[in-house]
């Protein structure tokens, strides 16, 4: 099982890298005809350079994260973490939530440096960063709170179905995930995006006329 787990992680990693590389190979495509009148050559070249740097940075991030995950597995970090959170409750659902929450927090702390570098270094150099330190911190807090509430509730529901519905547990879990995905897509532009961005209507003009 251990070898199988490592193999699955590596296969998923290789597929991810392969897909990213295929997308990267199309970076020299010319500006599409339907947006040439609104996207000038200088902006396109800047976006091109930015995309190449982000791609290289994302590859490094994925390699580090995958390596850390494998190290955690080999070093037995997960059983240690499970033993620690098990002390706080005898309820299997709560213990699972605590374990995944603890792992998510560890992963977040290991990756926050990457987010800071991308936002305040890469995006700043290309003029794409409009985020202040205060806004960045608030966005991180909002993301953690939303992730804990939404992810915790959804996972609790799935675990409950798994425990009490027997053979139909996977079916109910699939239905719950489908409903959740649809709900998130509906609420994304109406609720969640407004928590992290200031939305302003497109002003009237040539671009507005084409959009409608």
N, C-alpha and C. Protein backbone atom coordinates (compact mmCIF):
# COMPACT_ATOMS: atom_id res chain seq x y z
N UNK A 1 0.83 -1.21 0.00
CA UNK A 1 0.00 0.00 0.00
C UNK A 1 0.87 1.26 0.00
N UNK A 2 1.99 1.20 0.76
CA UNK A 2 2.87 2.36 0.83
C UNK A 2 3.46 2.67 -0.54
N UNK A 3 3.95 1.63 -1.22
CA UNK A 3 4.53 1.82 -2.55
C UNK A 3 3.47 2.32 -3.53
N UNK A 4 2.25 1.79 -3.40
CA UNK A 4 1.15 2.21 -4.28
C UNK A 4 0.84 3.69 -4.06
N UNK A 5 0.82 4.13 -2.81
CA UNK A 5 0.54 5.54 -2.50
C UNK A 5 1.59 6.46 -3.11
N UNK A 6 2.86 6.10 -2.93
CA UNK A 6 3.95 6.89 -3.51
C UNK A 6 3.84 6.92 -5.03
N UNK A 7 3.50 5.78 -5.62
CA UNK A 7 3.38 5.68 -7.08
C UNK A 7 2.26 6.59 -7.60
N UNK A 8 1.11 6.58 -6.92
CA UNK A 8 -0.01 7.42 -7.33
C UNK A 8 0.37 8.89 -7.25
N UNK A 9 1.06 9.29 -6.18
CA UNK A 9 1.49 10.68 -6.02
C UNK A 9 2.42 11.09 -7.16
N UNK A 10 3.35 10.22 -7.49
CA UNK A 10 4.31 10.53 -8.56
C UNK A 10 3.62 10.57 -9.93
N UNK A 11 2.67 9.67 -10.15
CA UNK A 11 1.95 9.65 -11.43
C UNK A 11 1.13 10.93 -11.60
N UNK A 12 0.42 11.32 -10.54
CA UNK A 12 -0.36 12.57 -10.59
C UNK A 12 0.56 13.76 -10.83
N UNK A 13 1.71 13.76 -10.16
CA UNK A 13 2.68 14.84 -10.33
C UNK A 13 3.18 14.91 -11.77
N UNK A 14 3.52 13.76 -12.35
CA UNK A 14 4.03 13.73 -13.72
C UNK A 14 2.96 14.17 -14.72
N UNK A 15 1.70 13.77 -14.49
CA UNK A 15 0.61 14.19 -15.38
C UNK A 15 0.43 15.70 -15.30
N UNK A 16 0.48 16.23 -14.07
CA UNK A 16 0.33 17.68 -13.88
C UNK A 16 1.45 18.44 -14.58
N UNK A 17 2.67 17.98 -14.41
CA UNK A 17 3.81 18.64 -15.05
C UNK A 17 3.72 18.54 -16.57
N UNK A 18 3.28 17.39 -17.06
CA UNK A 18 3.15 17.20 -18.51
C UNK A 18 2.12 18.15 -19.10
N UNK A 19 0.96 18.27 -18.45
CA UNK A 19 -0.08 19.18 -18.94
C UNK A 19 0.38 20.62 -18.90
N UNK A 20 1.08 20.99 -17.83
CA UNK A 20 1.59 22.35 -17.71
C UNK A 20 2.62 22.64 -18.80
N UNK A 21 3.46 21.66 -19.09
CA UNK A 21 4.48 21.83 -20.13
C UNK A 21 3.84 21.97 -21.50
N UNK A 22 2.80 21.20 -21.76
CA UNK A 22 2.10 21.31 -23.05
C UNK A 22 1.50 22.71 -23.23
N UNK A 23 0.92 23.23 -22.15
CA UNK A 23 0.39 24.60 -22.21
C UNK A 23 1.51 25.61 -22.43
N UNK A 24 2.65 25.37 -21.79
CA UNK A 24 3.79 26.28 -21.90
C UNK A 24 4.33 26.32 -23.32
N UNK A 25 4.26 25.20 -24.02
CA UNK A 25 4.79 25.15 -25.38
C UNK A 25 3.99 26.03 -26.34
N UNK A 26 2.77 26.39 -25.97
CA UNK A 26 1.94 27.25 -26.82
C UNK A 26 2.08 28.73 -26.47
N UNK A 27 3.13 29.07 -25.71
CA UNK A 27 3.27 30.44 -25.22
C UNK A 27 3.58 31.44 -26.34
N UNK A 28 4.10 30.96 -27.47
CA UNK A 28 4.48 31.87 -28.55
C UNK A 28 3.38 32.07 -29.59
N UNK A 29 2.18 31.66 -29.26
CA UNK A 29 1.07 31.86 -30.18
C UNK A 29 0.79 33.35 -30.35
N UNK A 30 0.46 33.80 -31.56
CA UNK A 30 0.17 35.23 -31.76
C UNK A 30 -1.14 35.63 -31.08
N UNK A 31 -1.35 36.92 -30.99
CA UNK A 31 -2.59 37.43 -30.39
C UNK A 31 -3.77 36.98 -31.25
N UNK A 32 -4.79 36.38 -30.65
CA UNK A 32 -5.98 35.97 -31.44
C UNK A 32 -6.60 37.16 -32.15
N UNK A 33 -7.12 36.91 -33.32
CA UNK A 33 -7.67 37.99 -34.14
C UNK A 33 -8.83 38.72 -33.44
N UNK A 34 -9.62 37.98 -32.67
CA UNK A 34 -10.81 38.59 -32.08
C UNK A 34 -10.51 39.54 -30.92
N UNK A 35 -9.23 39.59 -30.47
CA UNK A 35 -8.90 40.53 -29.39
C UNK A 35 -7.74 41.45 -29.76
N UNK A 36 -7.34 41.44 -31.02
CA UNK A 36 -6.24 42.30 -31.43
C UNK A 36 -6.53 43.78 -31.24
N UNK A 37 -7.80 44.15 -31.36
CA UNK A 37 -8.15 45.57 -31.26
C UNK A 37 -8.23 46.05 -29.82
N UNK A 38 -8.19 45.15 -28.84
CA UNK A 38 -8.26 45.57 -27.44
C UNK A 38 -7.03 45.13 -26.64
N UNK A 39 -6.13 44.40 -27.26
CA UNK A 39 -4.96 43.87 -26.55
C UNK A 39 -3.73 44.18 -27.39
N UNK A 40 -2.99 45.24 -27.05
CA UNK A 40 -1.88 45.66 -27.89
C UNK A 40 -0.65 44.76 -27.72
N UNK A 41 0.28 44.92 -28.64
CA UNK A 41 1.44 44.04 -28.71
C UNK A 41 2.32 44.15 -27.47
N UNK A 42 2.49 45.37 -26.95
CA UNK A 42 3.35 45.57 -25.78
C UNK A 42 2.79 44.85 -24.55
N UNK A 43 1.47 44.98 -24.35
CA UNK A 43 0.83 44.29 -23.22
C UNK A 43 0.93 42.78 -23.38
N UNK A 44 0.80 42.33 -24.62
CA UNK A 44 0.88 40.89 -24.88
C UNK A 44 2.28 40.35 -24.55
N UNK A 45 3.31 41.08 -24.92
CA UNK A 45 4.68 40.65 -24.64
C UNK A 45 4.94 40.63 -23.13
N UNK A 46 4.40 41.64 -22.42
CA UNK A 46 4.57 41.66 -20.97
C UNK A 46 3.86 40.46 -20.33
N UNK A 47 2.65 40.20 -20.81
CA UNK A 47 1.92 39.04 -20.30
C UNK A 47 2.68 37.76 -20.61
N UNK A 48 3.30 37.70 -21.78
CA UNK A 48 4.05 36.54 -22.21
C UNK A 48 5.22 36.28 -21.26
N UNK A 49 6.00 37.31 -20.96
CA UNK A 49 7.13 37.18 -20.04
C UNK A 49 6.67 36.79 -18.64
N UNK A 50 5.56 37.41 -18.23
CA UNK A 50 5.00 37.10 -16.90
C UNK A 50 4.56 35.64 -16.83
N UNK A 51 3.91 35.17 -17.87
CA UNK A 51 3.42 33.80 -17.90
C UNK A 51 4.58 32.80 -17.84
N UNK A 52 5.67 33.08 -18.56
CA UNK A 52 6.82 32.18 -18.54
C UNK A 52 7.43 32.11 -17.14
N UNK A 53 7.53 33.28 -16.47
CA UNK A 53 8.12 33.27 -15.12
C UNK A 53 7.21 32.57 -14.12
N UNK A 54 5.91 32.79 -14.23
CA UNK A 54 4.97 32.12 -13.33
C UNK A 54 5.00 30.62 -13.55
N UNK A 55 5.12 30.20 -14.80
CA UNK A 55 5.20 28.77 -15.10
C UNK A 55 6.41 28.14 -14.43
N UNK A 56 7.57 28.76 -14.59
CA UNK A 56 8.79 28.22 -13.98
C UNK A 56 8.67 28.19 -12.46
N UNK A 57 8.08 29.24 -11.90
CA UNK A 57 7.91 29.30 -10.45
C UNK A 57 6.95 28.22 -9.96
N UNK A 58 5.88 27.98 -10.74
CA UNK A 58 4.90 26.96 -10.34
C UNK A 58 5.51 25.57 -10.40
N UNK A 59 6.41 25.33 -11.36
CA UNK A 59 7.07 24.03 -11.45
C UNK A 59 7.92 23.79 -10.21
N UNK A 60 8.68 24.81 -9.80
CA UNK A 60 9.51 24.69 -8.60
C UNK A 60 8.62 24.43 -7.38
N UNK A 61 7.49 25.15 -7.29
CA UNK A 61 6.57 24.98 -6.16
C UNK A 61 6.01 23.56 -6.12
N UNK A 62 5.61 23.04 -7.28
CA UNK A 62 5.05 21.69 -7.33
C UNK A 62 6.09 20.64 -6.96
N UNK A 63 7.32 20.82 -7.40
CA UNK A 63 8.39 19.87 -7.07
C UNK A 63 8.64 19.85 -5.56
N UNK A 64 8.70 21.04 -4.95
CA UNK A 64 8.94 21.13 -3.51
C UNK A 64 7.78 20.52 -2.73
N UNK A 65 6.54 20.85 -3.11
CA UNK A 65 5.37 20.32 -2.39
C UNK A 65 5.27 18.80 -2.51
N UNK A 66 5.51 18.28 -3.71
CA UNK A 66 5.46 16.83 -3.90
C UNK A 66 6.56 16.15 -3.11
N UNK A 67 7.75 16.73 -3.11
CA UNK A 67 8.87 16.17 -2.35
C UNK A 67 8.56 16.15 -0.86
N UNK A 68 7.97 17.24 -0.35
CA UNK A 68 7.63 17.31 1.07
C UNK A 68 6.57 16.26 1.43
N UNK A 69 5.59 16.07 0.55
CA UNK A 69 4.56 15.07 0.80
C UNK A 69 5.16 13.67 0.90
N UNK A 70 6.07 13.36 -0.01
CA UNK A 70 6.73 12.05 0.02
C UNK A 70 7.59 11.90 1.26
N UNK A 71 8.29 12.97 1.64
CA UNK A 71 9.10 12.94 2.86
C UNK A 71 8.23 12.70 4.09
N UNK A 72 7.06 13.36 4.13
CA UNK A 72 6.11 13.17 5.24
C UNK A 72 5.69 11.70 5.34
N UNK A 73 5.44 11.09 4.18
CA UNK A 73 5.02 9.69 4.16
C UNK A 73 6.14 8.77 4.62
N UNK A 74 7.34 8.99 4.11
CA UNK A 74 8.47 8.13 4.45
C UNK A 74 8.86 8.29 5.92
N UNK A 75 8.81 9.53 6.42
CA UNK A 75 9.22 9.80 7.80
C UNK A 75 8.15 9.46 8.82
N UNK A 76 6.95 9.10 8.35
CA UNK A 76 5.89 8.73 9.28
C UNK A 76 5.28 9.92 10.00
N UNK A 77 5.26 11.07 9.36
CA UNK A 77 4.70 12.28 9.97
C UNK A 77 3.19 12.16 10.16
N UNK A 78 2.52 11.54 9.22
CA UNK A 78 1.06 11.45 9.29
C UNK A 78 0.57 10.62 10.48
N UNK A 79 1.15 9.45 10.77
CA UNK A 79 0.73 8.73 11.98
C UNK A 79 0.98 9.53 13.25
N UNK A 80 2.09 10.27 13.29
CA UNK A 80 2.37 11.11 14.46
C UNK A 80 1.31 12.19 14.60
N UNK A 81 0.96 12.82 13.48
CA UNK A 81 -0.07 13.87 13.50
C UNK A 81 -1.42 13.29 13.91
N UNK A 82 -1.75 12.10 13.38
CA UNK A 82 -3.02 11.46 13.74
C UNK A 82 -3.06 11.13 15.22
N UNK A 83 -1.95 10.64 15.77
CA UNK A 83 -1.90 10.33 17.19
C UNK A 83 -2.07 11.57 18.06
N UNK A 84 -1.57 12.69 17.56
CA UNK A 84 -1.69 13.95 18.32
C UNK A 84 -3.13 14.44 18.36
N UNK A 85 -3.82 14.47 17.20
CA UNK A 85 -5.18 15.01 17.16
C UNK A 85 -6.19 14.05 17.78
N UNK A 86 -5.86 12.76 17.82
CA UNK A 86 -6.77 11.79 18.40
C UNK A 86 -6.99 12.02 19.90
N UNK A 87 -6.06 12.74 20.53
CA UNK A 87 -6.18 13.01 21.96
C UNK A 87 -7.31 13.98 22.29
N UNK A 88 -7.80 14.69 21.27
CA UNK A 88 -8.77 15.75 21.52
C UNK A 88 -10.22 15.28 21.42
N UNK A 89 -10.45 14.10 20.85
CA UNK A 89 -11.83 13.62 20.70
C UNK A 89 -11.86 12.13 20.44
N UNK A 90 -12.96 11.52 20.86
CA UNK A 90 -13.18 10.10 20.57
C UNK A 90 -14.08 9.90 19.36
N UNK A 91 -14.65 11.00 18.85
CA UNK A 91 -15.53 10.94 17.69
C UNK A 91 -14.70 10.84 16.41
N UNK A 92 -14.98 9.83 15.61
CA UNK A 92 -14.16 9.59 14.41
C UNK A 92 -14.25 10.73 13.41
N UNK A 93 -15.44 11.34 13.27
CA UNK A 93 -15.61 12.44 12.32
C UNK A 93 -14.81 13.66 12.78
N UNK A 94 -14.90 13.97 14.06
CA UNK A 94 -14.16 15.12 14.59
C UNK A 94 -12.66 14.89 14.47
N UNK A 95 -12.22 13.66 14.75
CA UNK A 95 -10.79 13.37 14.64
C UNK A 95 -10.30 13.50 13.20
N UNK A 96 -11.12 13.06 12.26
CA UNK A 96 -10.75 13.20 10.85
C UNK A 96 -10.67 14.67 10.46
N UNK A 97 -11.63 15.47 10.92
CA UNK A 97 -11.62 16.90 10.63
C UNK A 97 -10.39 17.57 11.23
N UNK A 98 -10.05 17.19 12.47
CA UNK A 98 -8.88 17.78 13.13
C UNK A 98 -7.60 17.39 12.40
N UNK A 99 -7.53 16.14 11.95
CA UNK A 99 -6.33 15.68 11.24
C UNK A 99 -6.16 16.45 9.93
N UNK A 100 -7.23 16.51 9.14
CA UNK A 100 -7.14 17.21 7.85
C UNK A 100 -6.94 18.70 8.05
N UNK A 101 -7.56 19.26 9.11
CA UNK A 101 -7.36 20.67 9.40
C UNK A 101 -5.92 20.96 9.77
N UNK A 102 -5.32 20.09 10.58
CA UNK A 102 -3.93 20.27 10.98
C UNK A 102 -3.00 20.14 9.78
N UNK A 103 -3.26 19.15 8.91
CA UNK A 103 -2.42 18.99 7.73
C UNK A 103 -2.57 20.19 6.78
N UNK A 104 -3.81 20.67 6.63
CA UNK A 104 -4.04 21.84 5.77
C UNK A 104 -3.30 23.06 6.31
N UNK A 105 -3.31 23.23 7.62
CA UNK A 105 -2.60 24.36 8.22
C UNK A 105 -1.09 24.25 8.01
N UNK A 106 -0.56 23.04 8.18
CA UNK A 106 0.87 22.84 7.94
C UNK A 106 1.22 23.14 6.49
N UNK A 107 0.39 22.63 5.56
CA UNK A 107 0.61 22.88 4.14
C UNK A 107 0.53 24.37 3.82
N UNK A 108 -0.43 25.04 4.46
CA UNK A 108 -0.59 26.49 4.24
C UNK A 108 0.66 27.24 4.70
N UNK A 109 1.16 26.91 5.88
CA UNK A 109 2.34 27.59 6.42
C UNK A 109 3.57 27.33 5.56
N UNK A 110 3.67 26.13 4.98
CA UNK A 110 4.80 25.81 4.12
C UNK A 110 4.72 26.53 2.78
N UNK A 111 3.50 26.90 2.37
CA UNK A 111 3.32 27.50 1.05
C UNK A 111 3.09 29.01 1.08
N UNK A 112 2.90 29.59 2.27
CA UNK A 112 2.60 31.02 2.34
C UNK A 112 3.75 31.85 1.77
N UNK A 113 4.97 31.36 1.94
CA UNK A 113 6.12 32.07 1.38
C UNK A 113 6.06 32.16 -0.14
N UNK A 114 5.58 31.09 -0.78
CA UNK A 114 5.44 31.11 -2.23
C UNK A 114 4.41 32.15 -2.67
N UNK A 115 3.30 32.23 -1.93
CA UNK A 115 2.25 33.21 -2.26
C UNK A 115 2.77 34.63 -2.11
N UNK A 116 3.53 34.85 -1.04
CA UNK A 116 4.08 36.19 -0.82
C UNK A 116 5.05 36.57 -1.94
N UNK A 117 5.91 35.63 -2.32
CA UNK A 117 6.89 35.90 -3.37
C UNK A 117 6.21 36.19 -4.71
N UNK A 118 5.21 35.38 -5.04
CA UNK A 118 4.54 35.59 -6.31
C UNK A 118 3.80 36.93 -6.34
N UNK A 119 3.12 37.27 -5.24
CA UNK A 119 2.33 38.49 -5.21
C UNK A 119 3.20 39.74 -5.19
N UNK A 120 4.18 39.75 -4.29
CA UNK A 120 4.94 40.98 -4.05
C UNK A 120 6.29 41.03 -4.77
N UNK A 121 6.61 39.99 -5.52
CA UNK A 121 7.83 40.03 -6.31
C UNK A 121 7.51 39.90 -7.80
N UNK A 122 6.99 38.72 -8.19
CA UNK A 122 6.74 38.50 -9.62
C UNK A 122 5.66 39.45 -10.15
N UNK A 123 4.49 39.45 -9.52
CA UNK A 123 3.40 40.29 -10.01
C UNK A 123 3.73 41.78 -9.85
N UNK A 124 4.48 42.12 -8.82
CA UNK A 124 4.87 43.51 -8.61
C UNK A 124 5.77 44.00 -9.73
N UNK A 125 6.73 43.18 -10.16
CA UNK A 125 7.67 43.57 -11.21
C UNK A 125 6.99 43.78 -12.56
N UNK A 126 5.90 43.06 -12.78
CA UNK A 126 5.20 43.19 -14.06
C UNK A 126 4.02 44.16 -13.98
N UNK A 127 3.85 44.79 -12.86
CA UNK A 127 2.79 45.79 -12.71
C UNK A 127 1.40 45.22 -12.56
N UNK A 128 1.30 43.93 -12.18
CA UNK A 128 0.00 43.29 -12.03
C UNK A 128 -0.50 43.29 -10.59
N UNK A 129 0.36 43.65 -9.66
CA UNK A 129 -0.03 43.57 -8.25
C UNK A 129 -0.70 44.85 -7.78
N UNK A 130 -1.93 44.74 -7.34
CA UNK A 130 -2.66 45.87 -6.76
C UNK A 130 -2.94 45.60 -5.27
N UNK A 131 -2.30 44.56 -4.75
CA UNK A 131 -2.58 44.13 -3.38
C UNK A 131 -1.61 44.79 -2.41
N UNK A 132 -2.14 45.36 -1.35
CA UNK A 132 -1.31 45.88 -0.27
C UNK A 132 -1.06 44.77 0.74
N UNK A 133 -0.11 45.00 1.64
CA UNK A 133 0.17 44.00 2.67
C UNK A 133 -1.08 43.74 3.52
N UNK A 134 -1.79 44.81 3.84
CA UNK A 134 -3.01 44.69 4.65
C UNK A 134 -4.05 43.85 3.92
N UNK A 135 -4.26 44.14 2.62
CA UNK A 135 -5.24 43.39 1.84
C UNK A 135 -4.84 41.92 1.71
N UNK A 136 -3.55 41.68 1.52
CA UNK A 136 -3.06 40.31 1.40
C UNK A 136 -3.35 39.52 2.68
N UNK A 137 -3.06 40.13 3.82
CA UNK A 137 -3.30 39.45 5.10
C UNK A 137 -4.78 39.18 5.30
N UNK A 138 -5.62 40.18 5.00
CA UNK A 138 -7.07 40.01 5.16
C UNK A 138 -7.59 38.92 4.23
N UNK A 139 -7.08 38.87 3.00
CA UNK A 139 -7.51 37.83 2.06
C UNK A 139 -7.11 36.44 2.55
N UNK A 140 -5.93 36.34 3.15
CA UNK A 140 -5.49 35.06 3.68
C UNK A 140 -6.39 34.61 4.82
N UNK A 141 -6.74 35.54 5.69
CA UNK A 141 -7.63 35.22 6.81
C UNK A 141 -9.00 34.79 6.31
N UNK A 142 -9.54 35.52 5.32
CA UNK A 142 -10.84 35.17 4.75
C UNK A 142 -10.79 33.78 4.12
N UNK A 143 -9.71 33.49 3.40
CA UNK A 143 -9.58 32.19 2.74
C UNK A 143 -9.55 31.06 3.77
N UNK A 144 -8.82 31.27 4.85
CA UNK A 144 -8.73 30.24 5.89
C UNK A 144 -10.08 30.02 6.56
N UNK A 145 -10.79 31.11 6.85
CA UNK A 145 -12.09 30.99 7.51
C UNK A 145 -13.10 30.31 6.59
N UNK A 146 -13.16 30.76 5.32
CA UNK A 146 -14.09 30.15 4.37
C UNK A 146 -13.76 28.68 4.15
N UNK A 147 -12.46 28.37 4.02
CA UNK A 147 -12.05 26.99 3.81
C UNK A 147 -12.43 26.11 4.99
N UNK A 148 -12.25 26.64 6.20
CA UNK A 148 -12.58 25.87 7.40
C UNK A 148 -14.08 25.63 7.50
N UNK A 149 -14.88 26.67 7.21
CA UNK A 149 -16.33 26.55 7.34
C UNK A 149 -16.92 25.66 6.24
N UNK A 150 -16.63 26.04 4.99
CA UNK A 150 -17.21 25.30 3.86
C UNK A 150 -16.62 23.89 3.77
N UNK A 151 -15.29 23.80 3.82
CA UNK A 151 -14.65 22.50 3.73
C UNK A 151 -15.01 21.60 4.89
N UNK A 152 -15.05 22.17 6.11
CA UNK A 152 -15.40 21.38 7.28
C UNK A 152 -16.82 20.84 7.21
N UNK A 153 -17.75 21.71 6.81
CA UNK A 153 -19.16 21.27 6.72
C UNK A 153 -19.34 20.20 5.66
N UNK A 154 -18.72 20.41 4.50
CA UNK A 154 -18.86 19.45 3.41
C UNK A 154 -18.23 18.11 3.79
N UNK A 155 -17.04 18.17 4.36
CA UNK A 155 -16.36 16.93 4.74
C UNK A 155 -17.13 16.19 5.84
N UNK A 156 -17.69 16.93 6.78
CA UNK A 156 -18.49 16.30 7.83
C UNK A 156 -19.69 15.57 7.24
N UNK A 157 -20.31 16.22 6.26
CA UNK A 157 -21.46 15.60 5.59
C UNK A 157 -21.07 14.32 4.88
N UNK A 158 -19.95 14.36 4.17
CA UNK A 158 -19.48 13.18 3.44
C UNK A 158 -19.11 12.05 4.39
N UNK A 159 -18.45 12.39 5.48
CA UNK A 159 -18.08 11.36 6.46
C UNK A 159 -19.31 10.76 7.12
N UNK A 160 -20.31 11.58 7.39
CA UNK A 160 -21.56 11.09 7.98
C UNK A 160 -22.24 10.11 7.03
N UNK A 161 -22.33 10.48 5.75
CA UNK A 161 -22.91 9.59 4.76
C UNK A 161 -22.15 8.27 4.70
N UNK A 162 -20.83 8.37 4.73
CA UNK A 162 -20.00 7.17 4.62
C UNK A 162 -20.23 6.22 5.79
N UNK A 163 -20.42 6.78 6.97
CA UNK A 163 -20.59 5.95 8.17
C UNK A 163 -21.97 5.32 8.28
N UNK A 164 -22.99 6.05 7.83
CA UNK A 164 -24.35 5.62 8.14
C UNK A 164 -25.20 5.18 6.94
N UNK A 165 -24.63 5.22 5.75
CA UNK A 165 -25.44 4.84 4.58
C UNK A 165 -24.95 3.56 3.92
N UNK A 166 -23.90 2.98 4.45
CA UNK A 166 -23.44 1.69 3.93
C UNK A 166 -23.04 1.74 2.46
N UNK A 167 -23.61 0.82 1.67
CA UNK A 167 -23.23 0.67 0.27
C UNK A 167 -23.59 1.90 -0.56
N UNK A 168 -24.55 2.69 -0.09
CA UNK A 168 -24.97 3.87 -0.86
C UNK A 168 -24.17 5.12 -0.49
N UNK A 169 -23.17 4.95 0.38
CA UNK A 169 -22.40 6.10 0.83
C UNK A 169 -21.73 6.86 -0.30
N UNK A 170 -21.11 6.12 -1.24
CA UNK A 170 -20.42 6.78 -2.35
C UNK A 170 -21.40 7.52 -3.26
N UNK A 171 -22.59 6.94 -3.44
CA UNK A 171 -23.61 7.59 -4.28
C UNK A 171 -24.04 8.91 -3.64
N UNK A 172 -24.33 8.89 -2.35
CA UNK A 172 -24.74 10.10 -1.66
C UNK A 172 -23.61 11.14 -1.65
N UNK A 173 -22.38 10.65 -1.50
CA UNK A 173 -21.23 11.56 -1.52
C UNK A 173 -21.11 12.24 -2.88
N UNK A 174 -21.31 11.46 -3.94
CA UNK A 174 -21.25 12.03 -5.30
C UNK A 174 -22.33 13.07 -5.50
N UNK A 175 -23.55 12.78 -5.06
CA UNK A 175 -24.66 13.73 -5.18
C UNK A 175 -24.35 15.01 -4.40
N UNK A 176 -23.84 14.84 -3.17
CA UNK A 176 -23.51 15.99 -2.34
C UNK A 176 -22.44 16.86 -3.00
N UNK A 177 -21.42 16.23 -3.59
CA UNK A 177 -20.36 16.98 -4.26
C UNK A 177 -20.88 17.70 -5.48
N UNK A 178 -21.78 17.05 -6.24
CA UNK A 178 -22.36 17.67 -7.42
C UNK A 178 -23.18 18.90 -7.04
N UNK A 179 -24.01 18.76 -6.00
CA UNK A 179 -24.82 19.90 -5.54
C UNK A 179 -23.92 21.02 -5.03
N UNK A 180 -22.88 20.65 -4.28
CA UNK A 180 -21.95 21.63 -3.74
C UNK A 180 -21.25 22.40 -4.86
N UNK A 181 -20.80 21.68 -5.88
CA UNK A 181 -20.10 22.32 -7.01
C UNK A 181 -21.02 23.30 -7.73
N UNK A 182 -22.26 22.89 -7.98
CA UNK A 182 -23.22 23.78 -8.63
C UNK A 182 -23.50 25.01 -7.78
N UNK A 183 -23.64 24.79 -6.48
CA UNK A 183 -23.92 25.90 -5.58
C UNK A 183 -22.77 26.90 -5.54
N UNK A 184 -21.55 26.39 -5.48
CA UNK A 184 -20.38 27.27 -5.46
C UNK A 184 -20.27 28.07 -6.75
N UNK A 185 -20.55 27.43 -7.89
CA UNK A 185 -20.49 28.14 -9.18
C UNK A 185 -21.54 29.24 -9.25
N UNK A 186 -22.71 29.00 -8.67
CA UNK A 186 -23.77 30.01 -8.68
C UNK A 186 -23.41 31.17 -7.76
N UNK A 187 -22.86 30.85 -6.59
CA UNK A 187 -22.57 31.87 -5.59
C UNK A 187 -21.23 32.58 -5.80
N UNK A 188 -20.36 32.02 -6.65
CA UNK A 188 -19.01 32.56 -6.78
C UNK A 188 -19.02 34.04 -7.17
N UNK A 189 -19.69 34.34 -8.28
CA UNK A 189 -19.68 35.73 -8.76
C UNK A 189 -20.59 36.64 -7.94
N UNK A 190 -21.56 36.06 -7.25
CA UNK A 190 -22.51 36.87 -6.48
C UNK A 190 -22.05 37.11 -5.05
N UNK A 191 -21.26 36.18 -4.51
CA UNK A 191 -20.89 36.29 -3.09
C UNK A 191 -19.38 36.25 -2.88
N UNK A 192 -18.76 35.12 -3.25
CA UNK A 192 -17.37 34.89 -2.85
C UNK A 192 -16.38 35.85 -3.50
N UNK A 193 -16.56 36.12 -4.78
CA UNK A 193 -15.59 37.00 -5.46
C UNK A 193 -15.61 38.40 -4.87
N UNK A 194 -16.77 38.83 -4.34
CA UNK A 194 -16.88 40.16 -3.76
C UNK A 194 -16.17 40.26 -2.41
N UNK A 195 -15.87 39.12 -1.81
CA UNK A 195 -15.13 39.13 -0.55
C UNK A 195 -13.66 39.45 -0.75
N UNK A 196 -13.16 39.21 -1.97
CA UNK A 196 -11.74 39.39 -2.23
C UNK A 196 -11.44 40.46 -3.29
N UNK A 197 -12.45 40.94 -3.98
CA UNK A 197 -12.24 41.89 -5.07
C UNK A 197 -13.29 43.00 -5.04
N UNK A 198 -12.90 44.15 -5.53
CA UNK A 198 -13.84 45.25 -5.70
C UNK A 198 -14.35 45.21 -7.13
N UNK A 199 -15.64 44.99 -7.30
CA UNK A 199 -16.24 44.82 -8.62
C UNK A 199 -16.86 46.14 -9.07
N UNK A 200 -16.48 46.58 -10.27
CA UNK A 200 -17.06 47.79 -10.86
C UNK A 200 -17.60 47.46 -12.24
N UNK A 201 -18.75 48.02 -12.62
CA UNK A 201 -19.33 47.74 -13.94
C UNK A 201 -18.41 48.23 -15.07
N UNK A 202 -18.47 47.54 -16.20
CA UNK A 202 -17.70 47.95 -17.37
C UNK A 202 -18.29 49.26 -17.89
N UNK A 203 -17.47 50.32 -18.03
CA UNK A 203 -18.00 51.61 -18.50
C UNK A 203 -18.48 51.53 -19.94
N UNK A 204 -19.42 52.37 -20.28
CA UNK A 204 -19.95 52.39 -21.64
C UNK A 204 -18.87 52.83 -22.62
N UNK A 205 -18.90 52.23 -23.78
CA UNK A 205 -17.92 52.51 -24.81
C UNK A 205 -17.87 51.39 -25.81
N UNK A 206 -16.82 51.36 -26.63
CA UNK A 206 -16.71 50.38 -27.70
C UNK A 206 -16.65 48.95 -27.14
N UNK A 207 -15.83 48.76 -26.10
CA UNK A 207 -15.70 47.42 -25.51
C UNK A 207 -17.01 46.99 -24.87
N UNK A 208 -17.70 47.91 -24.21
CA UNK A 208 -18.98 47.60 -23.57
C UNK A 208 -20.01 47.19 -24.62
N UNK A 209 -20.03 47.91 -25.74
CA UNK A 209 -20.98 47.60 -26.81
C UNK A 209 -20.72 46.21 -27.40
N UNK A 210 -19.44 45.84 -27.53
CA UNK A 210 -19.11 44.53 -28.07
C UNK A 210 -19.48 43.42 -27.10
N UNK A 211 -19.34 43.72 -25.80
CA UNK A 211 -19.64 42.72 -24.77
C UNK A 211 -21.10 42.35 -24.72
N UNK A 212 -21.97 43.31 -25.01
CA UNK A 212 -23.39 43.04 -24.97
C UNK A 212 -23.94 42.68 -26.33
